[in-house]
Amino acid sequence: MVRQIQSSVASTFGPRVMDLSGGFAGMFRLDYDEKLFKKNYRNPVLVACTDGVGSKIQLAVKTKKYDTIGIDLVAMSVNDMLVQGAEPLFFLDYLAVNKLEPELMAELVRGVATGCKMADCALIGGETAEMPDTYKKNDLDMAGFAVGVVEKDRIIIGDNVREGDRILGLASSGLHSNGYSLARNICFKKANLKMTDTPEELSGHTVGQALLEPTRIYVRPIVRLLGQYKRKKVVHAMAHITGGGLVGNIPRVLPKNLDAVLKTSTWCRNDIFSFLQKTGPVEEAEMYRVFNMGIGFVLIVAEDFADSISRKLRRYGETVYNIGHITHGTGKVILK
């Protein structure tokens, strides 16, 4: 297995990775200065995140498709640290199985490596645990750990949010990695569907394709955007829309005296959300509590810069919606 994953892991390395053969830990240089590479920090703050992919991994097992679930694993952590304005540096993974199958594990790690390259971070270590007394046959679980860095004076915590700020939403690729207990219940228990079924509402995609669509990684556009405004703090807050949806995550970055007013007609929902709501059926309020509803990442920005920021993000490849504004209130999200 180690031989099979070596090339995938090494493909994520940059000049700051210290590749020690036989080492017991991964090593990464925070400051590095040579002719071909320069990355120095004045007052660096390390930012750390950990997460998993929840019950989405059961769908990967069901379809025996393991090449994308690693992207989800990376996305859940690196998208979280972006919220504080941090740039991901390196990632580690933990894979636990009933029985170690080298080809399967190599496919999982290849997915993690793909996610790391998309996030411009290095996969510098990991652990594979074979535990037949803990996991049943074909069972497996994954966890990921990411470390990033942000200059102390560039940390974003939401304290600059003010009335009149605009709210921009970046499109999600689908469910991402949240709400799968409900989604699985609707698809496989209530509707009695198979992963290979192609409901009309999914526009030609199978249930499996829609449910296993990997989480979008927002690192490159957000890091690039923040680099454009090093002297102006025009991005006042950000939120990664995970469990709890828009109504649960945006309040985490709102001052207690302000509300976020979202106009739900301003963005397009992915087909999977309409399908799940209709098939459930699921009430609208519950949909917004469980799923991202088509918005995977939110930026709260100064009103005067909202249009230019939107244009930049579109040039960087994102689908951007102007979804609302900040008003006086009590720290909650209002859906209209």
C-alpha atoms as a PDB file:
ATOM      1  CA  MET A   1       0.000   0.000   0.000  1.00  0.00           C
ATOM      2  CA  VAL A   2       2.801   2.391   0.929  1.00  0.00           C
ATOM      3  CA  ARG A   3       4.461   1.812  -2.438  1.00  0.00           C
ATOM      4  CA  GLN A   4       1.186   2.504  -4.241  1.00  0.00           C
ATOM      5  CA  ILE A   5       0.520   5.827  -2.493  1.00  0.00           C
ATOM      6  CA  GLN A   6       4.053   7.247  -2.576  1.00  0.00           C
ATOM      7  CA  SER A   7       3.687   8.993  -5.938  1.00  0.00           C
ATOM      8  CA  SER A   8       0.278  10.446  -5.030  1.00  0.00           C
ATOM      9  CA  VAL A   9       1.610  11.851  -1.768  1.00  0.00           C
ATOM     10  CA  ALA A  10       4.804  13.209  -3.311  1.00  0.00           C
ATOM     11  CA  SER A  11       2.811  14.980  -6.034  1.00  0.00           C
ATOM     12  CA  THR A  12       1.463  17.375  -3.373  1.00  0.00           C
ATOM     13  CA  PHE A  13       4.905  18.444  -2.105  1.00  0.00           C
ATOM     14  CA  GLY A  14       6.263  21.961  -2.557  1.00  0.00           C
ATOM     15  CA  PRO A  15       9.679  23.372  -1.628  1.00  0.00           C
ATOM     16  CA  ARG A  16       8.683  23.847   2.022  1.00  0.00           C
ATOM     17  CA  VAL A  17       8.107  20.130   2.617  1.00  0.00           C
ATOM     18  CA  MET A  18      11.112  18.395   4.201  1.00  0.00           C
ATOM     19  CA  ASP A  19      10.929  14.890   2.796  1.00  0.00           C
ATOM     20  CA  LEU A  20      12.583  12.619   5.364  1.00  0.00           C
ATOM     21  CA  SER A  21      12.767   9.001   4.311  1.00  0.00           C
ATOM     22  CA  GLY A  22      11.648   6.781   7.187  1.00  0.00           C
ATOM     23  CA  GLY A  23      10.631   9.710   9.373  1.00  0.00           C
ATOM     24  CA  PHE A  24       7.993   9.294  12.075  1.00  0.00           C
ATOM     25  CA  ALA A  25       6.440  12.713  11.423  1.00  0.00           C
ATOM     26  CA  GLY A  26       5.931  15.111   8.537  1.00  0.00           C
ATOM     27  CA  MET A  27       7.961  18.308   8.526  1.00  0.00           C
ATOM     28  CA  PHE A  28       7.112  21.638   6.892  1.00  0.00           C
ATOM     29  CA  ARG A  29       9.127  24.867   6.851  1.00  0.00           C
ATOM     30  CA  LEU A  30       6.995  27.872   7.663  1.00  0.00           C
ATOM     31  CA  ASP A  31       9.581  30.347   6.332  1.00  0.00           C
ATOM     32  CA  TYR A  32      11.523  29.454   3.219  1.00  0.00           C
ATOM     33  CA  ASP A  33      13.746  31.764   1.207  1.00  0.00           C
ATOM     34  CA  GLU A  34      15.691  30.665  -1.837  1.00  0.00           C
ATOM     35  CA  LYS A  35      16.147  31.970  -5.365  1.00  0.00           C
ATOM     36  CA  LEU A  36      13.299  29.889  -6.756  1.00  0.00           C
ATOM     37  CA  PHE A  37      10.882  30.351  -3.879  1.00  0.00           C
ATOM     38  CA  LYS A  38      10.146  32.991  -1.280  1.00  0.00           C
ATOM     39  CA  LYS A  39       7.446  32.891   1.366  1.00  0.00           C
ATOM     40  CA  ASN A  40       8.065  34.848   4.551  1.00  0.00           C
ATOM     41  CA  TYR A  41       5.637  35.940   7.250  1.00  0.00           C
ATOM     42  CA  ARG A  42       5.878  38.956   9.550  1.00  0.00           C
ATOM     43  CA  ASN A  43       3.586  37.807  12.364  1.00  0.00           C
ATOM     44  CA  PRO A  44       2.199  34.383  11.439  1.00  0.00           C
ATOM     45  CA  VAL A  45      -0.667  32.687  13.247  1.00  0.00           C
ATOM     46  CA  LEU A  46      -1.205  28.971  12.676  1.00  0.00           C
ATOM     47  CA  VAL A  47      -4.783  27.844  12.052  1.00  0.00           C
ATOM     48  CA  ALA A  48      -5.836  24.199  12.497  1.00  0.00           C
ATOM     49  CA  CYS A  49      -8.947  22.273  11.479  1.00  0.00           C
ATOM     50  CA  THR A  50     -10.164  18.691  11.609  1.00  0.00           C
ATOM     51  CA  ASP A  51     -13.221  17.048  10.080  1.00  0.00           C
ATOM     52  CA  GLY A  52     -14.606  13.955   8.391  1.00  0.00           C
ATOM     53  CA  VAL A  53     -17.101  13.241   5.644  1.00  0.00           C
ATOM     54  CA  GLY A  54     -19.900  11.744   7.738  1.00  0.00           C
ATOM     55  CA  SER A  55     -22.174   9.110   6.281  1.00  0.00           C
ATOM     56  CA  LYS A  56     -21.285  10.132   2.720  1.00  0.00           C
ATOM     57  CA  ILE A  57     -18.560   7.531   3.001  1.00  0.00           C
ATOM     58  CA  GLN A  58     -21.227   4.812   3.155  1.00  0.00           C
ATOM     59  CA  LEU A  59     -22.260   5.740  -0.382  1.00  0.00           C
ATOM     60  CA  ALA A  60     -18.684   5.405  -1.580  1.00  0.00           C
ATOM     61  CA  VAL A  61     -18.606   1.923  -0.048  1.00  0.00           C
ATOM     62  CA  LYS A  62     -21.975   1.068  -1.607  1.00  0.00           C
ATOM     63  CA  THR A  63     -20.793   2.010  -5.109  1.00  0.00           C
ATOM     64  CA  LYS A  64     -17.156   0.992  -4.581  1.00  0.00           C
ATOM     65  CA  LYS A  65     -16.194   4.416  -5.897  1.00  0.00           C
ATOM     66  CA  TYR A  66     -13.424   5.747  -3.687  1.00  0.00           C
ATOM     67  CA  ASP A  67     -11.623   8.271  -5.891  1.00  0.00           C
ATOM     68  CA  THR A  68     -13.551  11.404  -4.876  1.00  0.00           C
ATOM     69  CA  ILE A  69     -14.355  10.978  -1.182  1.00  0.00           C
ATOM     70  CA  GLY A  70     -10.812  12.128  -0.363  1.00  0.00           C
ATOM     71  CA  ILE A  71     -11.550  15.457  -2.055  1.00  0.00           C
ATOM     72  CA  ASP A  72     -14.471  15.878   0.340  1.00  0.00           C
ATOM     73  CA  LEU A  73     -12.192  15.119   3.271  1.00  0.00           C
ATOM     74  CA  VAL A  74      -9.734  17.853   2.318  1.00  0.00           C
ATOM     75  CA  ALA A  75     -12.477  20.335   1.442  1.00  0.00           C
ATOM     76  CA  MET A  76     -14.185  20.158   4.807  1.00  0.00           C
ATOM     77  CA  SER A  77     -11.089  21.338   6.664  1.00  0.00           C
ATOM     78  CA  VAL A  78      -9.472  23.740   4.201  1.00  0.00           C
ATOM     79  CA  ASN A  79     -12.749  25.547   3.483  1.00  0.00           C
ATOM     80  CA  ASP A  80     -13.210  26.026   7.219  1.00  0.00           C
ATOM     81  CA  MET A  81      -9.830  27.672   7.738  1.00  0.00           C
ATOM     82  CA  LEU A  82     -10.456  29.997   4.795  1.00  0.00           C
ATOM     83  CA  VAL A  83     -13.171  31.637   6.881  1.00  0.00           C
ATOM     84  CA  GLN A  84     -10.461  33.121   9.133  1.00  0.00           C
ATOM     85  CA  GLY A  85      -8.490  34.287   6.103  1.00  0.00           C
ATOM     86  CA  ALA A  86      -5.940  31.474   6.393  1.00  0.00           C
ATOM     87  CA  GLU A  87      -3.999  29.834   3.591  1.00  0.00           C
ATOM     88  CA  PRO A  88      -3.745  26.024   3.924  1.00  0.00           C
ATOM     89  CA  LEU A  89      -0.210  24.700   4.339  1.00  0.00           C
ATOM     90  CA  PHE A  90      -0.404  20.966   4.915  1.00  0.00           C
ATOM     91  CA  PHE A  91      -2.824  18.112   5.514  1.00  0.00           C
ATOM     92  CA  LEU A  92      -2.824  14.726   7.245  1.00  0.00           C
ATOM     93  CA  ASP A  93      -5.332  11.914   6.950  1.00  0.00           C
ATOM     94  CA  TYR A  94      -6.502   9.006   9.102  1.00  0.00           C
ATOM     95  CA  LEU A  95      -8.064   5.970   7.437  1.00  0.00           C
ATOM     96  CA  ALA A  96      -9.606   3.162   9.504  1.00  0.00           C
ATOM     97  CA  VAL A  97     -10.766  -0.126   7.978  1.00  0.00           C
ATOM     98  CA  ASN A  98     -11.850  -3.657   8.802  1.00  0.00           C
ATOM     99  CA  LYS A  99      -9.229  -5.152   6.511  1.00  0.00           C
ATOM    100  CA  LEU A 100      -6.475  -3.351   4.689  1.00  0.00           C
ATOM    101  CA  GLU A 101      -6.804  -3.687   0.929  1.00  0.00           C
ATOM    102  CA  PRO A 102      -3.877  -1.915  -0.757  1.00  0.00           C
ATOM    103  CA  GLU A 103      -5.700  -1.024  -3.980  1.00  0.00           C
ATOM    104  CA  LEU A 104      -8.685   0.440  -2.130  1.00  0.00           C
ATOM    105  CA  MET A 105      -6.519   2.436   0.265  1.00  0.00           C
ATOM    106  CA  ALA A 106      -4.399   3.728  -2.589  1.00  0.00           C
ATOM    107  CA  GLU A 107      -7.533   4.952  -4.362  1.00  0.00           C
ATOM    108  CA  LEU A 108      -8.681   6.753  -1.211  1.00  0.00           C
ATOM    109  CA  VAL A 109      -5.293   8.420  -0.782  1.00  0.00           C
ATOM    110  CA  ARG A 110      -5.220   9.427  -4.436  1.00  0.00           C
ATOM    111  CA  GLY A 111      -8.469  11.301  -3.802  1.00  0.00           C
ATOM    112  CA  VAL A 112      -6.957  13.016  -0.770  1.00  0.00           C
ATOM    113  CA  ALA A 113      -3.908  13.974  -2.823  1.00  0.00           C
ATOM    114  CA  THR A 114      -6.160  15.394  -5.555  1.00  0.00           C
ATOM    115  CA  GLY A 115      -7.943  17.510  -2.950  1.00  0.00           C
ATOM    116  CA  CYS A 116      -4.642  18.712  -1.522  1.00  0.00           C
ATOM    117  CA  LYS A 117      -3.427  19.804  -4.944  1.00  0.00           C
ATOM    118  CA  MET A 118      -6.704  21.658  -5.507  1.00  0.00           C
ATOM    119  CA  ALA A 119      -6.153  23.391  -2.150  1.00  0.00           C
ATOM    120  CA  ASP A 120      -2.443  24.064  -2.777  1.00  0.00           C
ATOM    121  CA  CYS A 121      -1.433  22.232   0.372  1.00  0.00           C
ATOM    122  CA  ALA A 122       0.902  19.314   0.992  1.00  0.00           C
ATOM    123  CA  LEU A 123      -0.131  15.855   2.175  1.00  0.00           C
ATOM    124  CA  ILE A 124       2.773  15.309   4.586  1.00  0.00           C
ATOM    125  CA  GLY A 125       1.561  12.372   6.637  1.00  0.00           C
ATOM    126  CA  GLY A 126      -1.213  10.036   7.641  1.00  0.00           C
ATOM    127  CA  GLU A 127      -2.214   6.856   9.409  1.00  0.00           C
ATOM    128  CA  THR A 128      -3.940   3.685   8.258  1.00  0.00           C
ATOM    129  CA  ALA A 129      -5.526   1.557  10.972  1.00  0.00           C
ATOM    130  CA  GLU A 130      -6.691  -2.017  10.409  1.00  0.00           C
ATOM    131  CA  MET A 131      -9.216  -2.821  13.174  1.00  0.00           C
ATOM    132  CA  PRO A 132     -11.349  -5.913  12.461  1.00  0.00           C
ATOM    133  CA  ASP A 133     -12.753  -5.897  16.009  1.00  0.00           C
ATOM    134  CA  THR A 134     -14.032  -2.332  15.609  1.00  0.00           C
ATOM    135  CA  TYR A 135     -15.194  -2.159  11.990  1.00  0.00           C
ATOM    136  CA  LYS A 136     -17.403  -4.652  10.180  1.00  0.00           C
ATOM    137  CA  LYS A 137     -16.482  -6.123   6.820  1.00  0.00           C
ATOM    138  CA  ASN A 138     -16.313  -3.397   4.127  1.00  0.00           C
ATOM    139  CA  ASP A 139     -16.629  -0.665   6.776  1.00  0.00           C
ATOM    140  CA  LEU A 140     -14.221   2.242   6.755  1.00  0.00           C
ATOM    141  CA  ASP A 141     -13.924   5.744   8.138  1.00  0.00           C
ATOM    142  CA  MET A 142     -11.822   8.796   7.384  1.00  0.00           C
ATOM    143  CA  ALA A 143     -10.705  11.909   9.228  1.00  0.00           C
ATOM    144  CA  GLY A 144      -8.603  14.809   8.035  1.00  0.00           C
ATOM    145  CA  PHE A 145      -6.428  17.394   9.731  1.00  0.00           C
ATOM    146  CA  ALA A 146      -5.256  20.640   8.143  1.00  0.00           C
ATOM    147  CA  VAL A 147      -2.895  23.391   9.271  1.00  0.00           C
ATOM    148  CA  GLY A 148      -2.761  26.808   7.669  1.00  0.00           C
ATOM    149  CA  VAL A 149      -1.351  30.254   8.326  1.00  0.00           C
ATOM    150  CA  VAL A 150      -2.591  33.832   8.385  1.00  0.00           C
ATOM    151  CA  GLU A 151      -0.878  37.096   9.218  1.00  0.00           C
ATOM    152  CA  LYS A 152      -2.142  38.264  12.609  1.00  0.00           C
ATOM    153  CA  ASP A 153      -3.332  41.612  11.275  1.00  0.00           C
ATOM    154  CA  ARG A 154      -5.237  39.862   8.454  1.00  0.00           C
ATOM    155  CA  ILE A 155      -7.313  37.496  10.592  1.00  0.00           C
ATOM    156  CA  ILE A 156     -11.011  37.696   9.699  1.00  0.00           C
ATOM    157  CA  ILE A 157     -13.431  37.116  12.587  1.00  0.00           C
ATOM    158  CA  GLY A 158     -16.478  39.205  11.633  1.00  0.00           C
ATOM    159  CA  ASP A 159     -15.820  42.181  13.896  1.00  0.00           C
ATOM    160  CA  ASN A 160     -15.854  44.545  10.888  1.00  0.00           C
ATOM    161  CA  VAL A 161     -19.318  43.527   9.686  1.00  0.00           C
ATOM    162  CA  ARG A 162     -21.617  46.516   9.585  1.00  0.00           C
ATOM    163  CA  GLU A 163     -25.100  47.492   8.462  1.00  0.00           C
ATOM    164  CA  GLY A 164     -25.308  47.861   4.683  1.00  0.00           C
ATOM    165  CA  ASP A 165     -22.679  45.230   3.895  1.00  0.00           C
ATOM    166  CA  ARG A 166     -23.502  42.967   0.960  1.00  0.00           C
ATOM    167  CA  ILE A 167     -23.636  39.182   1.138  1.00  0.00           C
ATOM    168  CA  LEU A 168     -22.131  37.206  -1.727  1.00  0.00           C
ATOM    169  CA  GLY A 169     -22.727  33.485  -2.161  1.00  0.00           C
ATOM    170  CA  LEU A 170     -20.479  31.080  -4.054  1.00  0.00           C
ATOM    171  CA  ALA A 171     -22.269  28.184  -5.700  1.00  0.00           C
ATOM    172  CA  SER A 172     -21.918  24.720  -4.218  1.00  0.00           C
ATOM    173  CA  SER A 173     -21.402  21.588  -6.309  1.00  0.00           C
ATOM    174  CA  GLY A 174     -24.294  19.828  -4.557  1.00  0.00           C
ATOM    175  CA  LEU A 175     -24.794  18.439  -1.064  1.00  0.00           C
ATOM    176  CA  HIS A 176     -21.062  18.700  -0.338  1.00  0.00           C
ATOM    177  CA  SER A 177     -20.615  16.573   2.820  1.00  0.00           C
ATOM    178  CA  ASN A 178     -23.608  17.425   4.983  1.00  0.00           C
ATOM    179  CA  GLY A 179     -27.186  16.218   5.316  1.00  0.00           C
ATOM    180  CA  TYR A 180     -26.476  12.682   4.164  1.00  0.00           C
ATOM    181  CA  SER A 181     -28.455  10.943   6.890  1.00  0.00           C
ATOM    182  CA  LEU A 182     -31.595  12.685   5.637  1.00  0.00           C
ATOM    183  CA  ALA A 183     -30.648  12.310   1.967  1.00  0.00           C
ATOM    184  CA  ARG A 184     -29.985   8.581   2.343  1.00  0.00           C
ATOM    185  CA  ASN A 185     -33.240   8.094   4.206  1.00  0.00           C
ATOM    186  CA  ILE A 186     -35.212   9.827   1.441  1.00  0.00           C
ATOM    187  CA  CYS A 187     -33.487   8.073  -1.467  1.00  0.00           C
ATOM    188  CA  PHE A 188     -33.093   4.548  -0.189  1.00  0.00           C
ATOM    189  CA  LYS A 189     -35.799   4.060   2.442  1.00  0.00           C
ATOM    190  CA  LYS A 190     -38.686   6.286   1.407  1.00  0.00           C
ATOM    191  CA  ALA A 191     -38.210   6.222  -2.377  1.00  0.00           C
ATOM    192  CA  ASN A 192     -36.533   2.774  -2.469  1.00  0.00           C
ATOM    193  CA  LEU A 193     -34.087   3.956  -5.128  1.00  0.00           C
ATOM    194  CA  LYS A 194     -30.816   2.395  -6.223  1.00  0.00           C
ATOM    195  CA  MET A 195     -27.569   4.269  -6.760  1.00  0.00           C
ATOM    196  CA  THR A 196     -27.846   3.546 -10.495  1.00  0.00           C
ATOM    197  CA  ASP A 197     -31.383   4.952 -10.882  1.00  0.00           C
ATOM    198  CA  THR A 198     -31.801   8.138 -12.939  1.00  0.00           C
ATOM    199  CA  PRO A 199     -34.812  10.119 -11.661  1.00  0.00           C
ATOM    200  CA  GLU A 200     -36.099  12.682 -14.133  1.00  0.00           C
ATOM    201  CA  GLU A 201     -35.457  15.525 -11.666  1.00  0.00           C
ATOM    202  CA  LEU A 202     -31.697  14.829 -11.713  1.00  0.00           C
ATOM    203  CA  SER A 203     -31.311  15.782 -15.391  1.00  0.00           C
ATOM    204  CA  GLY A 204     -29.771  12.521 -16.557  1.00  0.00           C
ATOM    205  CA  HIS A 205     -27.528  11.930 -13.556  1.00  0.00           C
ATOM    206  CA  THR A 206     -27.812   8.801 -11.461  1.00  0.00           C
ATOM    207  CA  VAL A 207     -28.617   9.004  -7.771  1.00  0.00           C
ATOM    208  CA  GLY A 208     -25.061   7.895  -7.056  1.00  0.00           C
ATOM    209  CA  GLN A 209     -23.523  10.590  -9.239  1.00  0.00           C
ATOM    210  CA  ALA A 210     -25.609  13.311  -7.602  1.00  0.00           C
ATOM    211  CA  LEU A 211     -24.895  12.143  -4.064  1.00  0.00           C
ATOM    212  CA  LEU A 212     -21.164  11.537  -4.558  1.00  0.00           C
ATOM    213  CA  GLU A 213     -20.412  14.832  -6.329  1.00  0.00           C
ATOM    214  CA  PRO A 214     -17.346  16.047  -4.382  1.00  0.00           C
ATOM    215  CA  THR A 215     -17.349  19.133  -2.199  1.00  0.00           C
ATOM    216  CA  ARG A 216     -16.131  22.264  -3.949  1.00  0.00           C
ATOM    217  CA  ILE A 217     -12.802  23.573  -2.667  1.00  0.00           C
ATOM    218  CA  TYR A 218     -12.758  27.391  -2.522  1.00  0.00           C
ATOM    219  CA  VAL A 219      -9.101  27.881  -1.554  1.00  0.00           C
ATOM    220  CA  ARG A 220      -7.576  29.283  -4.743  1.00  0.00           C
ATOM    221  CA  PRO A 221     -10.197  31.966  -5.497  1.00  0.00           C
ATOM    222  CA  ILE A 222     -10.481  33.108  -1.874  1.00  0.00           C
ATOM    223  CA  VAL A 223      -6.732  33.206  -1.199  1.00  0.00           C
ATOM    224  CA  ARG A 224      -6.218  35.044  -4.476  1.00  0.00           C
ATOM    225  CA  LEU A 225      -8.995  37.500  -3.660  1.00  0.00           C
ATOM    226  CA  LEU A 226      -7.648  38.268  -0.182  1.00  0.00           C
ATOM    227  CA  GLY A 227      -4.234  38.852  -1.718  1.00  0.00           C
ATOM    228  CA  GLN A 228      -5.761  41.629  -3.845  1.00  0.00           C
ATOM    229  CA  TYR A 229      -6.807  43.601  -0.743  1.00  0.00           C
ATOM    230  CA  LYS A 230      -3.810  43.428   1.591  1.00  0.00           C
ATOM    231  CA  ARG A 231      -4.151  47.060   2.668  1.00  0.00           C
ATOM    232  CA  LYS A 232      -7.929  47.303   2.698  1.00  0.00           C
ATOM    233  CA  LYS A 233     -10.163  45.123   4.853  1.00  0.00           C
ATOM    234  CA  VAL A 234     -13.079  44.924   2.466  1.00  0.00           C
ATOM    235  CA  VAL A 235     -13.958  41.280   3.188  1.00  0.00           C
ATOM    236  CA  HIS A 236     -15.554  41.643   6.603  1.00  0.00           C
ATOM    237  CA  ALA A 237     -16.561  38.026   7.259  1.00  0.00           C
ATOM    238  CA  MET A 238     -16.871  34.650   5.579  1.00  0.00           C
ATOM    239  CA  ALA A 239     -18.733  31.421   6.309  1.00  0.00           C
ATOM    240  CA  HIS A 240     -18.338  27.864   5.060  1.00  0.00           C
ATOM    241  CA  ILE A 241     -21.865  26.494   4.665  1.00  0.00           C
ATOM    242  CA  THR A 242     -21.789  23.031   6.211  1.00  0.00           C
ATOM    243  CA  GLY A 243     -24.057  21.318   8.765  1.00  0.00           C
ATOM    244  CA  GLY A 244     -26.764  23.751   9.836  1.00  0.00           C
ATOM    245  CA  GLY A 245     -26.947  25.333   6.394  1.00  0.00           C
ATOM    246  CA  LEU A 246     -27.097  29.065   5.764  1.00  0.00           C
ATOM    247  CA  VAL A 247     -29.266  29.729   8.810  1.00  0.00           C
ATOM    248  CA  GLY A 248     -26.852  27.926  11.125  1.00  0.00           C
ATOM    249  CA  ASN A 249     -23.468  29.034   9.828  1.00  0.00           C
ATOM    250  CA  ILE A 250     -23.804  32.709   8.909  1.00  0.00           C
ATOM    251  CA  PRO A 251     -24.805  33.742  12.480  1.00  0.00           C
ATOM    252  CA  ARG A 252     -21.436  32.416  13.694  1.00  0.00           C
ATOM    253  CA  VAL A 253     -19.733  35.432  12.069  1.00  0.00           C
ATOM    254  CA  LEU A 254     -22.418  38.065  12.751  1.00  0.00           C
ATOM    255  CA  PRO A 255     -22.233  40.669  15.526  1.00  0.00           C
ATOM    256  CA  LYS A 256     -25.130  40.217  17.966  1.00  0.00           C
ATOM    257  CA  ASN A 257     -26.795  43.472  16.844  1.00  0.00           C
ATOM    258  CA  LEU A 258     -26.950  42.639  13.127  1.00  0.00           C
ATOM    259  CA  ASP A 259     -28.998  40.289  10.921  1.00  0.00           C
ATOM    260  CA  ALA A 260     -28.255  38.756   7.532  1.00  0.00           C
ATOM    261  CA  VAL A 261     -31.195  39.133   5.152  1.00  0.00           C
ATOM    262  CA  LEU A 262     -31.069  36.561   2.342  1.00  0.00           C
ATOM    263  CA  LYS A 263     -33.259  36.696  -0.758  1.00  0.00           C
ATOM    264  CA  THR A 264     -33.629  33.039  -1.701  1.00  0.00           C
ATOM    265  CA  SER A 265     -34.731  33.777  -5.276  1.00  0.00           C
ATOM    266  CA  THR A 266     -31.333  35.262  -6.158  1.00  0.00           C
ATOM    267  CA  TRP A 267     -29.476  31.983  -6.710  1.00  0.00           C
ATOM    268  CA  CYS A 268     -29.975  28.669  -8.474  1.00  0.00           C
ATOM    269  CA  ARG A 269     -30.454  25.470  -6.497  1.00  0.00           C
ATOM    270  CA  ASN A 270     -28.775  22.277  -7.652  1.00  0.00           C
ATOM    271  CA  ASP A 271     -31.193  19.638  -8.932  1.00  0.00           C
ATOM    272  CA  ILE A 272     -30.490  17.389  -5.957  1.00  0.00           C
ATOM    273  CA  PHE A 273     -32.114  19.810  -3.515  1.00  0.00           C
ATOM    274  CA  SER A 274     -35.378  20.094  -5.418  1.00  0.00           C
ATOM    275  CA  PHE A 275     -35.402  16.325  -5.846  1.00  0.00           C
ATOM    276  CA  LEU A 276     -34.927  15.643  -2.139  1.00  0.00           C
ATOM    277  CA  GLN A 277     -37.480  18.251  -1.077  1.00  0.00           C
ATOM    278  CA  LYS A 278     -40.135  16.866  -3.400  1.00  0.00           C
ATOM    279  CA  THR A 279     -39.379  13.196  -2.759  1.00  0.00           C
ATOM    280  CA  GLY A 280     -39.198  13.532   1.026  1.00  0.00           C
ATOM    281  CA  PRO A 281     -41.260  15.583   1.206  1.00  0.00           C
ATOM    282  CA  VAL A 282     -39.239  18.041   3.293  1.00  0.00           C
ATOM    283  CA  GLU A 283     -40.458  21.422   4.528  1.00  0.00           C
ATOM    284  CA  GLU A 284     -38.639  24.463   3.184  1.00  0.00           C
ATOM    285  CA  ALA A 285     -37.410  25.532   6.633  1.00  0.00           C
ATOM    286  CA  GLU A 286     -35.971  22.074   7.275  1.00  0.00           C
ATOM    287  CA  MET A 287     -34.184  22.097   3.921  1.00  0.00           C
ATOM    288  CA  TYR A 288     -32.398  25.308   4.934  1.00  0.00           C
ATOM    289  CA  ARG A 289     -31.489  23.868   8.337  1.00  0.00           C
ATOM    290  CA  VAL A 290     -29.919  20.706   6.886  1.00  0.00           C
ATOM    291  CA  PHE A 291     -28.502  21.522   3.435  1.00  0.00           C
ATOM    292  CA  ASN A 292     -26.428  24.299   1.857  1.00  0.00           C
ATOM    293  CA  MET A 293     -29.221  24.782  -0.739  1.00  0.00           C
ATOM    294  CA  GLY A 294     -26.785  25.676  -3.514  1.00  0.00           C
ATOM    295  CA  ILE A 295     -24.512  28.088  -1.644  1.00  0.00           C
ATOM    296  CA  GLY A 296     -21.290  26.526  -0.378  1.00  0.00           C
ATOM    297  CA  PHE A 297     -19.401  29.606   0.808  1.00  0.00           C
ATOM    298  CA  VAL A 298     -20.480  33.107   1.842  1.00  0.00           C
ATOM    299  CA  LEU A 299     -18.621  36.411   1.924  1.00  0.00           C
ATOM    300  CA  ILE A 300     -19.857  39.515   3.727  1.00  0.00           C
ATOM    301  CA  VAL A 301     -18.169  42.471   2.044  1.00  0.00           C
ATOM    302  CA  ALA A 302     -18.140  46.251   2.095  1.00  0.00           C
ATOM    303  CA  GLU A 303     -20.985  47.527  -0.070  1.00  0.00           C
ATOM    304  CA  ASP A 304     -18.742  49.740  -2.210  1.00  0.00           C
ATOM    305  CA  PHE A 305     -16.521  46.783  -3.140  1.00  0.00           C
ATOM    306  CA  ALA A 306     -19.193  44.118  -3.653  1.00  0.00           C
ATOM    307  CA  ASP A 307     -19.400  44.453  -7.429  1.00  0.00           C
ATOM    308  CA  SER A 308     -15.634  44.448  -7.988  1.00  0.00           C
ATOM    309  CA  ILE A 309     -15.208  41.461  -5.665  1.00  0.00           C
ATOM    310  CA  SER A 310     -17.936  39.603  -7.558  1.00  0.00           C
ATOM    311  CA  ARG A 311     -16.205  40.295 -10.869  1.00  0.00           C
ATOM    312  CA  LYS A 312     -12.874  39.065  -9.524  1.00  0.00           C
ATOM    313  CA  LEU A 313     -14.363  35.837  -8.152  1.00  0.00           C
ATOM    314  CA  ARG A 314     -16.086  35.164 -11.468  1.00  0.00           C
ATOM    315  CA  ARG A 315     -12.767  35.633 -13.262  1.00  0.00           C
ATOM    316  CA  TYR A 316     -11.283  33.110 -10.839  1.00  0.00           C
ATOM    317  CA  GLY A 317     -13.880  30.553 -11.929  1.00  0.00           C
ATOM    318  CA  GLU A 318     -16.585  30.882  -9.295  1.00  0.00           C
ATOM    319  CA  THR A 319     -20.336  31.238  -9.790  1.00  0.00           C
ATOM    320  CA  VAL A 320     -21.194  34.251  -7.628  1.00  0.00           C
ATOM    321  CA  TYR A 321     -24.608  35.437  -6.467  1.00  0.00           C
ATOM    322  CA  ASN A 322     -25.527  38.662  -4.692  1.00  0.00           C
ATOM    323  CA  ILE A 323     -27.762  36.969  -2.124  1.00  0.00           C
ATOM    324  CA  GLY A 324     -28.489  39.594   0.518  1.00  0.00           C
ATOM    325  CA  HIS A 325     -27.409  42.343   2.850  1.00  0.00           C
ATOM    326  CA  ILE A 326     -26.701  43.124   6.502  1.00  0.00           C
ATOM    327  CA  THR A 327     -29.243  45.027   8.571  1.00  0.00           C
ATOM    328  CA  HIS A 328     -29.853  45.927  12.212  1.00  0.00           C
ATOM    329  CA  GLY A 329     -31.109  42.959  14.215  1.00  0.00           C
ATOM    330  CA  THR A 330     -30.240  40.281  16.750  1.00  0.00           C
ATOM    331  CA  GLY A 331     -27.609  38.090  15.055  1.00  0.00           C
ATOM    332  CA  LYS A 332     -29.781  35.827  12.950  1.00  0.00           C
ATOM    333  CA  VAL A 333     -30.489  34.953   9.305  1.00  0.00           C
ATOM    334  CA  ILE A 334     -33.764  36.116   7.759  1.00  0.00           C
ATOM    335  CA  LEU A 335     -34.899  34.260   4.636  1.00  0.00           C
ATOM    336  CA  LYS A 336     -37.096  36.136   2.169  1.00  0.00           C
END
